[in-house]
Amino acid sequence: MNWLALVLTAHLGQVDEAVAARFAKLALACVHREYPNKLAHVLSSPADAKVPSKLTPAFYGCYDWHSSVHGHWLLARLARTFPGAPFAADAKRALDKSLTAKNLAAEVAYVEGKGRVSFERPYGLAWLLQLSLELREWDDPDAKRWAKALEPLEAVAVKRLMEWLPKLSRPIRVGEHDQTAFAFGLALDWARGAGHRELEALLTERAQTYYSNDVSCPLAYEPGGQDFLSPCLAEADLMRRLLPKPRFAAWLSTFLPGFGDSKSLEPERVTDRSDPKLAHLDGLNLSRAWMLEGIRAGLPDDDARRAMIETAAQTHRAAGLEAVTGEHYEGGHWLGSFATYLVTARGLR
């Protein structure tokens, strides 16, 4: 049985070690690979003209900062899940090289630098919190040390979100990094896991203000040609985290009317995987799959929509995982993280 068959026949949240090794290999190949590199970098003086590893010495690999962050999360997630696997030792060595107090102090200094108030907000900050949560939950002495070293940067991420959200007058409904619904889901999971009641309350209030009265989301207009997140499904996946099952079922009926009867939600096909923007659609198939699984989990057991949602999740799961090959670095530097989030059912825990 090949690796794709193994992961498709596994029960939700279960993943074979061989599949995990395949995804770990992708992250190990990029977390300390400095080039090619796409910087989102504001220069305030000639002194800011430095190579990526000098600017952000923990998270300089994997093409861009946020991909490096969730590449490290992938390694932590899989080493925690498979502590005896051959790749686990390599994963821990990579984490140990990156997550030092010195490197993370430099990360804090960079993020707090002049002109960087919106740096990686909200996507990269949310993934940083997801990395922190993984380390917090991992009963391992090395993970505890890394989590401690990460605390100052974690605090900066929380502070940035808490300063920004009261001023954000509208949600951001796009299919790429700036989307608020997806980031809220990751940040909310961190707030609950870390016991940060203030951020949890703020995210809950903002989500209810932005989304609770939404109706008739135009799912038929999705996706855009370079989306890797669904605005409609991400919003629903967030709201199922906040509402009891009967209330969520009622909200979903007005938000996505006729959703259970829809046959239009089909996986997307990438026309050129060497194009970094066009390759986003492979990630969309993966994120749609886990969002659909989240929506299904948020519905009562007798809800008639669950069968259609499960079928759609499986077709997107198959299409998305088939694309996680690493053949092109444009997708290989990040799709493994999305695949790992999906197959380990991280968003459902």
C-alpha atoms as a PDB file:
ATOM      1  CA  MET A   1       0.000   0.000   0.000  1.00  0.00           C
ATOM      2  CA  ASN A   2       1.474   3.406  -0.971  1.00  0.00           C
ATOM      3  CA  TRP A   3       1.666   6.399   1.388  1.00  0.00           C
ATOM      4  CA  LEU A   4      -1.451   8.088  -0.030  1.00  0.00           C
ATOM      5  CA  ALA A   5      -3.529   4.942   0.381  1.00  0.00           C
ATOM      6  CA  LEU A   6      -2.283   4.656   3.966  1.00  0.00           C
ATOM      7  CA  VAL A   7      -3.408   8.124   4.913  1.00  0.00           C
ATOM      8  CA  LEU A   8      -6.719   7.927   3.071  1.00  0.00           C
ATOM      9  CA  THR A   9      -7.717   4.659   4.723  1.00  0.00           C
ATOM     10  CA  ALA A  10      -6.730   5.821   8.221  1.00  0.00           C
ATOM     11  CA  HIS A  11      -9.359   6.914  10.689  1.00  0.00           C
ATOM     12  CA  LEU A  12      -9.708  10.634  11.334  1.00  0.00           C
ATOM     13  CA  GLY A  13      -6.764  11.886  13.373  1.00  0.00           C
ATOM     14  CA  GLN A  14      -4.670   8.754  12.812  1.00  0.00           C
ATOM     15  CA  VAL A  15      -1.598   8.838  10.631  1.00  0.00           C
ATOM     16  CA  ASP A  16       0.930   6.159   9.704  1.00  0.00           C
ATOM     17  CA  GLU A  17       4.581   6.678  10.659  1.00  0.00           C
ATOM     18  CA  ALA A  18       5.661   6.369   7.019  1.00  0.00           C
ATOM     19  CA  VAL A  19       3.306   9.196   6.079  1.00  0.00           C
ATOM     20  CA  ALA A  20       4.587  11.309   8.949  1.00  0.00           C
ATOM     21  CA  ALA A  21       8.171  10.696   7.836  1.00  0.00           C
ATOM     22  CA  ARG A  22       7.300  11.917   4.353  1.00  0.00           C
ATOM     23  CA  PHE A  23       5.958  15.196   5.700  1.00  0.00           C
ATOM     24  CA  ALA A  24       8.797  15.608   8.215  1.00  0.00           C
ATOM     25  CA  LYS A  25      11.299  15.263   5.378  1.00  0.00           C
ATOM     26  CA  LEU A  26       9.791  18.295   3.646  1.00  0.00           C
ATOM     27  CA  ALA A  27      10.165  20.480   6.732  1.00  0.00           C
ATOM     28  CA  LEU A  28      13.646  19.207   7.530  1.00  0.00           C
ATOM     29  CA  ALA A  29      14.676  20.163   4.001  1.00  0.00           C
ATOM     30  CA  CYS A  30      13.574  23.766   4.433  1.00  0.00           C
ATOM     31  CA  VAL A  31      13.680  25.057   8.021  1.00  0.00           C
ATOM     32  CA  HIS A  32      17.384  25.904   7.684  1.00  0.00           C
ATOM     33  CA  ARG A  33      17.398  26.534   3.941  1.00  0.00           C
ATOM     34  CA  GLU A  34      17.893  30.263   3.565  1.00  0.00           C
ATOM     35  CA  TYR A  35      17.374  30.675  -0.182  1.00  0.00           C
ATOM     36  CA  PRO A  36      15.225  31.294  -2.122  1.00  0.00           C
ATOM     37  CA  ASN A  37      13.688  33.714   0.336  1.00  0.00           C
ATOM     38  CA  LYS A  38      10.759  36.101   0.159  1.00  0.00           C
ATOM     39  CA  LEU A  39      11.097  38.855   2.740  1.00  0.00           C
ATOM     40  CA  ALA A  40       8.235  40.968   4.080  1.00  0.00           C
ATOM     41  CA  HIS A  41      10.803  43.412   5.370  1.00  0.00           C
ATOM     42  CA  VAL A  42      10.547  47.115   6.222  1.00  0.00           C
ATOM     43  CA  LEU A  43      13.901  48.883   6.150  1.00  0.00           C
ATOM     44  CA  SER A  44      14.252  51.973   8.339  1.00  0.00           C
ATOM     45  CA  SER A  45      17.957  52.521   7.650  1.00  0.00           C
ATOM     46  CA  PRO A  46      20.873  50.960   5.764  1.00  0.00           C
ATOM     47  CA  ALA A  47      21.570  48.909   8.901  1.00  0.00           C
ATOM     48  CA  ASP A  48      18.400  46.925   8.163  1.00  0.00           C
ATOM     49  CA  ALA A  49      19.835  45.584   4.889  1.00  0.00           C
ATOM     50  CA  LYS A  50      20.832  42.126   6.109  1.00  0.00           C
ATOM     51  CA  VAL A  51      20.431  38.544   4.961  1.00  0.00           C
ATOM     52  CA  PRO A  52      17.414  36.639   6.328  1.00  0.00           C
ATOM     53  CA  SER A  53      19.391  34.550   8.834  1.00  0.00           C
ATOM     54  CA  LYS A  54      20.687  37.749  10.440  1.00  0.00           C
ATOM     55  CA  LEU A  55      17.271  39.408  10.523  1.00  0.00           C
ATOM     56  CA  THR A  56      15.288  36.481  11.949  1.00  0.00           C
ATOM     57  CA  PRO A  57      17.748  33.778  13.033  1.00  0.00           C
ATOM     58  CA  ALA A  58      15.114  31.309  14.243  1.00  0.00           C
ATOM     59  CA  PHE A  59      12.657  31.563  11.353  1.00  0.00           C
ATOM     60  CA  TYR A  60      14.625  32.384   8.230  1.00  0.00           C
ATOM     61  CA  GLY A  61      14.091  29.194   6.211  1.00  0.00           C
ATOM     62  CA  CYS A  62      11.229  27.723   4.198  1.00  0.00           C
ATOM     63  CA  TYR A  63      11.024  30.688   1.811  1.00  0.00           C
ATOM     64  CA  ASP A  64       9.225  33.076   4.199  1.00  0.00           C
ATOM     65  CA  TRP A  65       8.780  33.715   7.914  1.00  0.00           C
ATOM     66  CA  HIS A  66       5.329  32.215   8.398  1.00  0.00           C
ATOM     67  CA  SER A  67       6.214  29.063   6.452  1.00  0.00           C
ATOM     68  CA  SER A  68       9.291  28.655   8.625  1.00  0.00           C
ATOM     69  CA  VAL A  69       7.163  28.999  11.744  1.00  0.00           C
ATOM     70  CA  HIS A  70       4.674  26.357  10.683  1.00  0.00           C
ATOM     71  CA  GLY A  71       7.504  24.184   9.366  1.00  0.00           C
ATOM     72  CA  HIS A  72       8.841  24.151  12.929  1.00  0.00           C
ATOM     73  CA  TRP A  73       5.332  23.410  14.174  1.00  0.00           C
ATOM     74  CA  LEU A  74       5.190  20.422  11.777  1.00  0.00           C
ATOM     75  CA  LEU A  75       8.417  19.033  13.239  1.00  0.00           C
ATOM     76  CA  ALA A  76       7.187  19.487  16.797  1.00  0.00           C
ATOM     77  CA  ARG A  77       3.796  17.970  16.002  1.00  0.00           C
ATOM     78  CA  LEU A  78       5.204  14.868  14.334  1.00  0.00           C
ATOM     79  CA  ALA A  79       8.099  14.314  16.752  1.00  0.00           C
ATOM     80  CA  ARG A  80       5.596  14.555  19.595  1.00  0.00           C
ATOM     81  CA  THR A  81       3.233  12.137  17.853  1.00  0.00           C
ATOM     82  CA  PHE A  82       5.967   9.663  16.848  1.00  0.00           C
ATOM     83  CA  PRO A  83       8.697  10.002  19.494  1.00  0.00           C
ATOM     84  CA  GLY A  84      10.318   6.702  18.497  1.00  0.00           C
ATOM     85  CA  ALA A  85      10.366   7.303  14.749  1.00  0.00           C
ATOM     86  CA  PRO A  86      13.754   7.668  13.026  1.00  0.00           C
ATOM     87  CA  PHE A  87      12.864  11.196  11.886  1.00  0.00           C
ATOM     88  CA  ALA A  88      12.043  12.360  15.440  1.00  0.00           C
ATOM     89  CA  ALA A  89      15.688  12.774  16.426  1.00  0.00           C
ATOM     90  CA  ASP A  90      16.383  14.870  13.329  1.00  0.00           C
ATOM     91  CA  ALA A  91      13.285  16.947  14.027  1.00  0.00           C
ATOM     92  CA  LYS A  92      14.382  17.619  17.594  1.00  0.00           C
ATOM     93  CA  ARG A  93      17.880  18.570  16.453  1.00  0.00           C
ATOM     94  CA  ALA A  94      16.393  21.067  14.010  1.00  0.00           C
ATOM     95  CA  LEU A  95      14.135  22.533  16.696  1.00  0.00           C
ATOM     96  CA  ASP A  96      17.068  22.753  19.091  1.00  0.00           C
ATOM     97  CA  LYS A  97      19.135  24.626  16.530  1.00  0.00           C
ATOM     98  CA  SER A  98      16.406  27.197  15.913  1.00  0.00           C
ATOM     99  CA  LEU A  99      14.642  27.679  19.231  1.00  0.00           C
ATOM    100  CA  THR A 100      17.456  29.068  21.347  1.00  0.00           C
ATOM    101  CA  ALA A 101      17.025  31.968  23.736  1.00  0.00           C
ATOM    102  CA  LYS A 102      19.517  34.005  21.696  1.00  0.00           C
ATOM    103  CA  ASN A 103      17.758  33.404  18.373  1.00  0.00           C
ATOM    104  CA  LEU A 104      14.333  34.135  19.817  1.00  0.00           C
ATOM    105  CA  ALA A 105      15.519  37.321  21.507  1.00  0.00           C
ATOM    106  CA  ALA A 106      16.623  38.481  18.060  1.00  0.00           C
ATOM    107  CA  GLU A 107      13.196  37.546  16.705  1.00  0.00           C
ATOM    108  CA  VAL A 108      11.545  39.697  19.371  1.00  0.00           C
ATOM    109  CA  ALA A 109      13.827  42.622  18.528  1.00  0.00           C
ATOM    110  CA  TYR A 110      13.013  42.237  14.850  1.00  0.00           C
ATOM    111  CA  VAL A 111       9.235  42.019  15.253  1.00  0.00           C
ATOM    112  CA  GLU A 112       9.235  45.025  17.581  1.00  0.00           C
ATOM    113  CA  GLY A 113      11.381  47.072  15.190  1.00  0.00           C
ATOM    114  CA  LYS A 114      10.221  50.362  13.753  1.00  0.00           C
ATOM    115  CA  GLY A 115       7.624  50.078  11.000  1.00  0.00           C
ATOM    116  CA  ARG A 116       6.750  46.441  11.713  1.00  0.00           C
ATOM    117  CA  VAL A 117       3.503  46.779  13.655  1.00  0.00           C
ATOM    118  CA  SER A 118       1.638  44.758  11.017  1.00  0.00           C
ATOM    119  CA  PHE A 119       4.387  42.154  10.505  1.00  0.00           C
ATOM    120  CA  GLU A 120       2.852  38.717   9.813  1.00  0.00           C
ATOM    121  CA  ARG A 121      -0.497  39.858  11.186  1.00  0.00           C
ATOM    122  CA  PRO A 122      -2.587  37.797  11.596  1.00  0.00           C
ATOM    123  CA  TYR A 123      -1.456  34.626   9.774  1.00  0.00           C
ATOM    124  CA  GLY A 124       2.142  34.290  10.913  1.00  0.00           C
ATOM    125  CA  LEU A 125       1.322  35.376  14.469  1.00  0.00           C
ATOM    126  CA  ALA A 126      -1.448  32.776  14.665  1.00  0.00           C
ATOM    127  CA  TRP A 127       0.894  30.027  13.478  1.00  0.00           C
ATOM    128  CA  LEU A 128       3.460  31.150  16.046  1.00  0.00           C
ATOM    129  CA  LEU A 129       0.837  30.634  18.755  1.00  0.00           C
ATOM    130  CA  GLN A 130       0.088  27.203  17.289  1.00  0.00           C
ATOM    131  CA  LEU A 131       3.794  26.322  17.561  1.00  0.00           C
ATOM    132  CA  SER A 132       3.783  27.550  21.146  1.00  0.00           C
ATOM    133  CA  LEU A 133       0.713  25.466  21.983  1.00  0.00           C
ATOM    134  CA  GLU A 134       2.306  22.330  20.526  1.00  0.00           C
ATOM    135  CA  LEU A 135       5.394  22.827  22.676  1.00  0.00           C
ATOM    136  CA  ARG A 136       3.320  23.621  25.772  1.00  0.00           C
ATOM    137  CA  GLU A 137       1.335  20.410  25.410  1.00  0.00           C
ATOM    138  CA  TRP A 138       4.331  18.178  24.681  1.00  0.00           C
ATOM    139  CA  ASP A 139       5.472  16.306  27.767  1.00  0.00           C
ATOM    140  CA  ASP A 140       9.159  16.385  26.915  1.00  0.00           C
ATOM    141  CA  PRO A 141      12.021  18.212  28.670  1.00  0.00           C
ATOM    142  CA  ASP A 142      13.387  19.639  25.428  1.00  0.00           C
ATOM    143  CA  ALA A 143       9.950  20.895  24.419  1.00  0.00           C
ATOM    144  CA  LYS A 144       9.535  22.582  27.799  1.00  0.00           C
ATOM    145  CA  ARG A 145      12.866  24.347  27.283  1.00  0.00           C
ATOM    146  CA  TRP A 146      11.896  25.474  23.784  1.00  0.00           C
ATOM    147  CA  ALA A 147       8.496  26.641  25.004  1.00  0.00           C
ATOM    148  CA  LYS A 148      10.193  28.713  27.689  1.00  0.00           C
ATOM    149  CA  ALA A 149      12.554  30.275  25.159  1.00  0.00           C
ATOM    150  CA  LEU A 150       9.592  31.063  22.903  1.00  0.00           C
ATOM    151  CA  GLU A 151       7.604  32.836  25.632  1.00  0.00           C
ATOM    152  CA  PRO A 152       8.868  36.391  24.909  1.00  0.00           C
ATOM    153  CA  LEU A 153       7.947  36.124  21.216  1.00  0.00           C
ATOM    154  CA  GLU A 154       4.659  34.468  22.129  1.00  0.00           C
ATOM    155  CA  ALA A 155       3.920  37.461  24.381  1.00  0.00           C
ATOM    156  CA  VAL A 156       4.651  39.875  21.526  1.00  0.00           C
ATOM    157  CA  ALA A 157       2.241  37.974  19.257  1.00  0.00           C
ATOM    158  CA  VAL A 158      -0.512  38.086  21.859  1.00  0.00           C
ATOM    159  CA  LYS A 159       0.078  41.781  22.514  1.00  0.00           C
ATOM    160  CA  ARG A 160      -0.052  42.576  18.792  1.00  0.00           C
ATOM    161  CA  LEU A 161      -3.365  40.785  18.349  1.00  0.00           C
ATOM    162  CA  MET A 162      -4.895  42.344  21.442  1.00  0.00           C
ATOM    163  CA  GLU A 163      -3.903  45.842  20.369  1.00  0.00           C
ATOM    164  CA  TRP A 164      -5.109  45.331  16.801  1.00  0.00           C
ATOM    165  CA  LEU A 165      -8.449  43.592  17.193  1.00  0.00           C
ATOM    166  CA  PRO A 166     -10.341  46.345  19.059  1.00  0.00           C
ATOM    167  CA  LYS A 167      -9.378  48.712  16.226  1.00  0.00           C
ATOM    168  CA  LEU A 168     -10.262  46.345  13.363  1.00  0.00           C
ATOM    169  CA  SER A 169     -13.676  47.624  12.287  1.00  0.00           C
ATOM    170  CA  ARG A 170     -14.401  44.835   9.785  1.00  0.00           C
ATOM    171  CA  PRO A 171     -13.320  41.229   9.300  1.00  0.00           C
ATOM    172  CA  ILE A 172     -10.919  40.416   6.475  1.00  0.00           C
ATOM    173  CA  ARG A 173     -12.673  38.054   4.089  1.00  0.00           C
ATOM    174  CA  VAL A 174      -9.990  36.922   1.659  1.00  0.00           C
ATOM    175  CA  GLY A 175      -8.568  33.538   0.693  1.00  0.00           C
ATOM    176  CA  GLU A 176      -4.958  34.284   1.586  1.00  0.00           C
ATOM    177  CA  HIS A 177      -2.823  35.269   4.589  1.00  0.00           C
ATOM    178  CA  ASP A 178      -4.766  38.300   5.797  1.00  0.00           C
ATOM    179  CA  GLN A 179      -7.981  36.367   6.431  1.00  0.00           C
ATOM    180  CA  THR A 180      -9.200  36.815   9.996  1.00  0.00           C
ATOM    181  CA  ALA A 181     -11.436  33.742  10.407  1.00  0.00           C
ATOM    182  CA  PHE A 182      -8.650  31.181   9.971  1.00  0.00           C
ATOM    183  CA  ALA A 183      -6.206  33.073  12.177  1.00  0.00           C
ATOM    184  CA  PHE A 184      -8.875  33.470  14.854  1.00  0.00           C
ATOM    185  CA  GLY A 185      -9.328  29.691  14.940  1.00  0.00           C
ATOM    186  CA  LEU A 186      -5.627  29.055  15.540  1.00  0.00           C
ATOM    187  CA  ALA A 187      -5.340  31.867  18.079  1.00  0.00           C
ATOM    188  CA  LEU A 188      -8.479  30.771  19.912  1.00  0.00           C
ATOM    189  CA  ASP A 189      -7.155  27.226  20.220  1.00  0.00           C
ATOM    190  CA  TRP A 190      -3.949  28.658  21.727  1.00  0.00           C
ATOM    191  CA  ALA A 191      -5.828  30.939  24.131  1.00  0.00           C
ATOM    192  CA  ARG A 192      -7.900  28.054  25.441  1.00  0.00           C
ATOM    193  CA  GLY A 193      -4.936  25.696  25.675  1.00  0.00           C
ATOM    194  CA  ALA A 194      -2.729  28.293  27.387  1.00  0.00           C
ATOM    195  CA  GLY A 195      -5.512  29.500  29.673  1.00  0.00           C
ATOM    196  CA  HIS A 196      -5.268  33.083  28.369  1.00  0.00           C
ATOM    197  CA  ARG A 197      -8.805  34.178  29.205  1.00  0.00           C
ATOM    198  CA  GLU A 198      -8.343  37.761  28.048  1.00  0.00           C
ATOM    199  CA  LEU A 199      -7.406  36.832  24.486  1.00  0.00           C
ATOM    200  CA  GLU A 200     -10.072  34.136  24.412  1.00  0.00           C
ATOM    201  CA  ALA A 201     -12.728  36.673  25.444  1.00  0.00           C
ATOM    202  CA  LEU A 202     -11.530  39.225  22.885  1.00  0.00           C
ATOM    203  CA  LEU A 203     -11.469  36.700  20.043  1.00  0.00           C
ATOM    204  CA  THR A 204     -14.920  35.429  21.020  1.00  0.00           C
ATOM    205  CA  GLU A 205     -16.359  38.936  21.101  1.00  0.00           C
ATOM    206  CA  ARG A 206     -14.751  39.924  17.803  1.00  0.00           C
ATOM    207  CA  ALA A 207     -15.880  36.736  16.074  1.00  0.00           C
ATOM    208  CA  GLN A 208     -19.443  37.192  17.260  1.00  0.00           C
ATOM    209  CA  THR A 209     -19.421  40.837  16.192  1.00  0.00           C
ATOM    210  CA  TYR A 210     -17.970  40.093  12.776  1.00  0.00           C
ATOM    211  CA  TYR A 211     -19.715  36.853  11.907  1.00  0.00           C
ATOM    212  CA  SER A 212     -22.741  35.917  14.004  1.00  0.00           C
ATOM    213  CA  ASN A 213     -25.232  37.775  11.784  1.00  0.00           C
ATOM    214  CA  ASP A 214     -23.765  36.671   8.457  1.00  0.00           C
ATOM    215  CA  VAL A 215     -26.143  35.071   5.973  1.00  0.00           C
ATOM    216  CA  SER A 216     -25.865  33.488   2.519  1.00  0.00           C
ATOM    217  CA  CYS A 217     -22.098  33.309   2.195  1.00  0.00           C
ATOM    218  CA  PRO A 218     -21.285  33.165  -1.553  1.00  0.00           C
ATOM    219  CA  LEU A 219     -19.534  29.802  -1.560  1.00  0.00           C
ATOM    220  CA  ALA A 220     -20.287  29.434  -5.278  1.00  0.00           C
ATOM    221  CA  TYR A 221     -18.001  32.407  -5.956  1.00  0.00           C
ATOM    222  CA  GLU A 222     -15.050  30.624  -4.400  1.00  0.00           C
ATOM    223  CA  PRO A 223     -12.213  30.174  -4.880  1.00  0.00           C
ATOM    224  CA  GLY A 224     -10.139  32.990  -6.210  1.00  0.00           C
ATOM    225  CA  GLY A 225      -7.387  31.824  -8.528  1.00  0.00           C
ATOM    226  CA  GLN A 226      -4.685  31.934  -5.853  1.00  0.00           C
ATOM    227  CA  ASP A 227      -6.622  31.175  -2.660  1.00  0.00           C
ATOM    228  CA  PHE A 228      -5.372  28.669  -0.115  1.00  0.00           C
ATOM    229  CA  LEU A 229      -8.152  29.344   2.403  1.00  0.00           C
ATOM    230  CA  SER A 230     -11.921  29.381   1.919  1.00  0.00           C
ATOM    231  CA  PRO A 231     -13.515  32.523   3.392  1.00  0.00           C
ATOM    232  CA  CYS A 232     -16.886  30.808   3.837  1.00  0.00           C
ATOM    233  CA  LEU A 233     -15.657  27.488   5.216  1.00  0.00           C
ATOM    234  CA  ALA A 234     -13.067  29.095   7.496  1.00  0.00           C
ATOM    235  CA  GLU A 235     -15.759  31.280   9.021  1.00  0.00           C
ATOM    236  CA  ALA A 236     -17.964  28.260   9.648  1.00  0.00           C
ATOM    237  CA  ASP A 237     -15.013  26.314  11.085  1.00  0.00           C
ATOM    238  CA  LEU A 238     -14.412  29.203  13.493  1.00  0.00           C
ATOM    239  CA  MET A 239     -18.041  29.533  14.553  1.00  0.00           C
ATOM    240  CA  ARG A 240     -18.340  25.816  15.364  1.00  0.00           C
ATOM    241  CA  ARG A 241     -15.635  26.467  17.976  1.00  0.00           C
ATOM    242  CA  LEU A 242     -17.879  29.067  19.623  1.00  0.00           C
ATOM    243  CA  LEU A 243     -21.445  27.784  19.374  1.00  0.00           C
ATOM    244  CA  PRO A 244     -23.161  24.756  20.942  1.00  0.00           C
ATOM    245  CA  LYS A 245     -24.107  22.185  18.309  1.00  0.00           C
ATOM    246  CA  PRO A 246     -27.818  23.096  18.011  1.00  0.00           C
ATOM    247  CA  ARG A 247     -27.027  26.808  17.699  1.00  0.00           C
ATOM    248  CA  PHE A 248     -24.247  26.152  15.222  1.00  0.00           C
ATOM    249  CA  ALA A 249     -26.579  24.003  13.105  1.00  0.00           C
ATOM    250  CA  ALA A 250     -29.121  26.829  13.001  1.00  0.00           C
ATOM    251  CA  TRP A 251     -26.491  29.451  12.230  1.00  0.00           C
ATOM    252  CA  LEU A 252     -25.062  27.307   9.429  1.00  0.00           C
ATOM    253  CA  SER A 253     -28.498  26.977   7.834  1.00  0.00           C
ATOM    254  CA  THR A 254     -28.690  30.723   7.300  1.00  0.00           C
ATOM    255  CA  PHE A 255     -24.991  31.195   6.601  1.00  0.00           C
ATOM    256  CA  LEU A 256     -24.775  28.463   3.953  1.00  0.00           C
ATOM    257  CA  PRO A 257     -28.376  27.720   2.926  1.00  0.00           C
ATOM    258  CA  GLY A 258     -28.704  24.512   0.933  1.00  0.00           C
ATOM    259  CA  PHE A 259     -25.190  23.454   1.956  1.00  0.00           C
ATOM    260  CA  GLY A 260     -26.165  19.850   2.577  1.00  0.00           C
ATOM    261  CA  ASP A 261     -27.548  19.493  -0.925  1.00  0.00           C
ATOM    262  CA  SER A 262     -24.636  21.130  -2.691  1.00  0.00           C
ATOM    263  CA  LYS A 263     -22.691  19.107  -5.240  1.00  0.00           C
ATOM    264  CA  SER A 264     -20.617  22.055  -6.429  1.00  0.00           C
ATOM    265  CA  LEU A 265     -17.853  21.836  -3.823  1.00  0.00           C
ATOM    266  CA  GLU A 266     -15.254  19.987  -5.855  1.00  0.00           C
ATOM    267  CA  PRO A 267     -11.463  19.929  -5.405  1.00  0.00           C
ATOM    268  CA  GLU A 268      -9.463  22.466  -7.368  1.00  0.00           C
ATOM    269  CA  ARG A 269      -6.824  21.605  -9.959  1.00  0.00           C
ATOM    270  CA  VAL A 270      -3.471  23.402 -10.127  1.00  0.00           C
ATOM    271  CA  THR A 271      -2.356  24.215 -13.653  1.00  0.00           C
ATOM    272  CA  ASP A 272       1.292  24.973 -12.795  1.00  0.00           C
ATOM    273  CA  ARG A 273       2.808  23.811  -9.504  1.00  0.00           C
ATOM    274  CA  SER A 274       6.028  25.685 -10.194  1.00  0.00           C
ATOM    275  CA  ASP A 275       4.118  28.972  -9.822  1.00  0.00           C
ATOM    276  CA  PRO A 276       4.005  29.871  -6.099  1.00  0.00           C
ATOM    277  CA  LYS A 277       0.649  31.645  -6.319  1.00  0.00           C
ATOM    278  CA  LEU A 278      -1.109  29.120  -8.548  1.00  0.00           C
ATOM    279  CA  ALA A 279       0.137  26.347  -6.244  1.00  0.00           C
ATOM    280  CA  HIS A 280      -1.971  27.875  -3.467  1.00  0.00           C
ATOM    281  CA  LEU A 281      -4.930  25.858  -4.737  1.00  0.00           C
ATOM    282  CA  ASP A 282      -3.278  22.643  -3.567  1.00  0.00           C
ATOM    283  CA  GLY A 283      -3.285  24.131  -0.085  1.00  0.00           C
ATOM    284  CA  LEU A 284      -6.917  25.118  -0.532  1.00  0.00           C
ATOM    285  CA  ASN A 285      -7.873  21.483  -1.056  1.00  0.00           C
ATOM    286  CA  LEU A 286      -6.113  20.576   2.186  1.00  0.00           C
ATOM    287  CA  SER A 287      -7.579  23.426   4.236  1.00  0.00           C
ATOM    288  CA  ARG A 288     -11.061  22.839   2.834  1.00  0.00           C
ATOM    289  CA  ALA A 289     -10.762  19.213   3.938  1.00  0.00           C
ATOM    290  CA  TRP A 290      -9.953  20.043   7.569  1.00  0.00           C
ATOM    291  CA  MET A 291     -12.516  22.861   7.664  1.00  0.00           C
ATOM    292  CA  LEU A 292     -15.204  20.532   6.375  1.00  0.00           C
ATOM    293  CA  GLU A 293     -14.221  17.993   9.026  1.00  0.00           C
ATOM    294  CA  GLY A 294     -14.467  20.723  11.640  1.00  0.00           C
ATOM    295  CA  ILE A 295     -17.885  21.824  10.430  1.00  0.00           C
ATOM    296  CA  ARG A 296     -19.112  18.244  10.474  1.00  0.00           C
ATOM    297  CA  ALA A 297     -17.817  17.783  14.019  1.00  0.00           C
ATOM    298  CA  GLY A 298     -19.700  20.900  15.088  1.00  0.00           C
ATOM    299  CA  LEU A 299     -23.083  19.568  13.935  1.00  0.00           C
ATOM    300  CA  PRO A 300     -25.429  17.293  15.900  1.00  0.00           C
ATOM    301  CA  ASP A 301     -25.046  13.585  15.104  1.00  0.00           C
ATOM    302  CA  ASP A 302     -28.438  13.436  13.386  1.00  0.00           C
ATOM    303  CA  ASP A 303     -27.861  16.444  11.118  1.00  0.00           C
ATOM    304  CA  ALA A 304     -28.631  15.426   7.520  1.00  0.00           C
ATOM    305  CA  ARG A 305     -25.779  17.544   6.155  1.00  0.00           C
ATOM    306  CA  ARG A 306     -23.070  15.443   7.772  1.00  0.00           C
ATOM    307  CA  ALA A 307     -22.993  12.805   5.014  1.00  0.00           C
ATOM    308  CA  MET A 308     -22.437  15.331   2.214  1.00  0.00           C
ATOM    309  CA  ILE A 309     -19.823  17.159   4.259  1.00  0.00           C
ATOM    310  CA  GLU A 310     -17.925  13.941   4.949  1.00  0.00           C
ATOM    311  CA  THR A 311     -17.909  13.047   1.259  1.00  0.00           C
ATOM    312  CA  ALA A 312     -16.661  16.497   0.274  1.00  0.00           C
ATOM    313  CA  ALA A 313     -13.979  16.369   2.967  1.00  0.00           C
ATOM    314  CA  GLN A 314     -12.714  13.021   1.690  1.00  0.00           C
ATOM    315  CA  THR A 315     -12.494  14.127  -1.940  1.00  0.00           C
ATOM    316  CA  HIS A 316     -10.603  17.279  -0.956  1.00  0.00           C
ATOM    317  CA  ARG A 317      -8.375  15.268   1.369  1.00  0.00           C
ATOM    318  CA  ALA A 318      -7.402  12.919  -1.452  1.00  0.00           C
ATOM    319  CA  ALA A 319      -6.737  15.706  -3.946  1.00  0.00           C
ATOM    320  CA  GLY A 320      -4.768  17.782  -1.472  1.00  0.00           C
ATOM    321  CA  LEU A 321      -2.571  14.987  -0.155  1.00  0.00           C
ATOM    322  CA  GLU A 322      -1.774  13.750  -3.643  1.00  0.00           C
ATOM    323  CA  ALA A 323      -0.098  17.107  -4.313  1.00  0.00           C
ATOM    324  CA  VAL A 324       2.244  16.982  -1.306  1.00  0.00           C
ATOM    325  CA  THR A 325       5.239  15.638  -3.189  1.00  0.00           C
ATOM    326  CA  GLY A 326       7.963  18.229  -2.714  1.00  0.00           C
ATOM    327  CA  GLU A 327       8.650  18.180  -6.442  1.00  0.00           C
ATOM    328  CA  HIS A 328       8.494  21.960  -6.558  1.00  0.00           C
ATOM    329  CA  TYR A 329       9.824  24.091  -3.689  1.00  0.00           C
ATOM    330  CA  GLU A 330       7.004  26.559  -4.353  1.00  0.00           C
ATOM    331  CA  GLY A 331       4.649  24.065  -2.698  1.00  0.00           C
ATOM    332  CA  GLY A 332       7.111  21.820  -0.893  1.00  0.00           C
ATOM    333  CA  HIS A 333       8.112  24.509   1.600  1.00  0.00           C
ATOM    334  CA  TRP A 334       4.615  24.746   3.112  1.00  0.00           C
ATOM    335  CA  LEU A 335       2.156  22.069   1.971  1.00  0.00           C
ATOM    336  CA  GLY A 336       3.576  19.525   4.417  1.00  0.00           C
ATOM    337  CA  SER A 337       2.401  21.709   7.292  1.00  0.00           C
ATOM    338  CA  PHE A 338      -1.129  21.877   5.905  1.00  0.00           C
ATOM    339  CA  ALA A 339      -1.098  18.122   5.299  1.00  0.00           C
ATOM    340  CA  THR A 340       0.075  17.484   8.871  1.00  0.00           C
ATOM    341  CA  TYR A 341      -2.593  19.777  10.319  1.00  0.00           C
ATOM    342  CA  LEU A 342      -5.166  17.793   8.347  1.00  0.00           C
ATOM    343  CA  VAL A 343      -4.063  14.203   8.959  1.00  0.00           C
ATOM    344  CA  THR A 344      -3.386  14.702  12.682  1.00  0.00           C
ATOM    345  CA  ALA A 345      -6.782  16.431  13.105  1.00  0.00           C
ATOM    346  CA  ARG A 346      -5.097  19.222  15.026  1.00  0.00           C
ATOM    347  CA  GLY A 347      -8.018  21.610  14.627  1.00  0.00           C
ATOM    348  CA  LEU A 348     -10.425  19.129  16.205  1.00  0.00           C
ATOM    349  CA  ARG A 349      -8.500  18.758  19.477  1.00  0.00           C
END
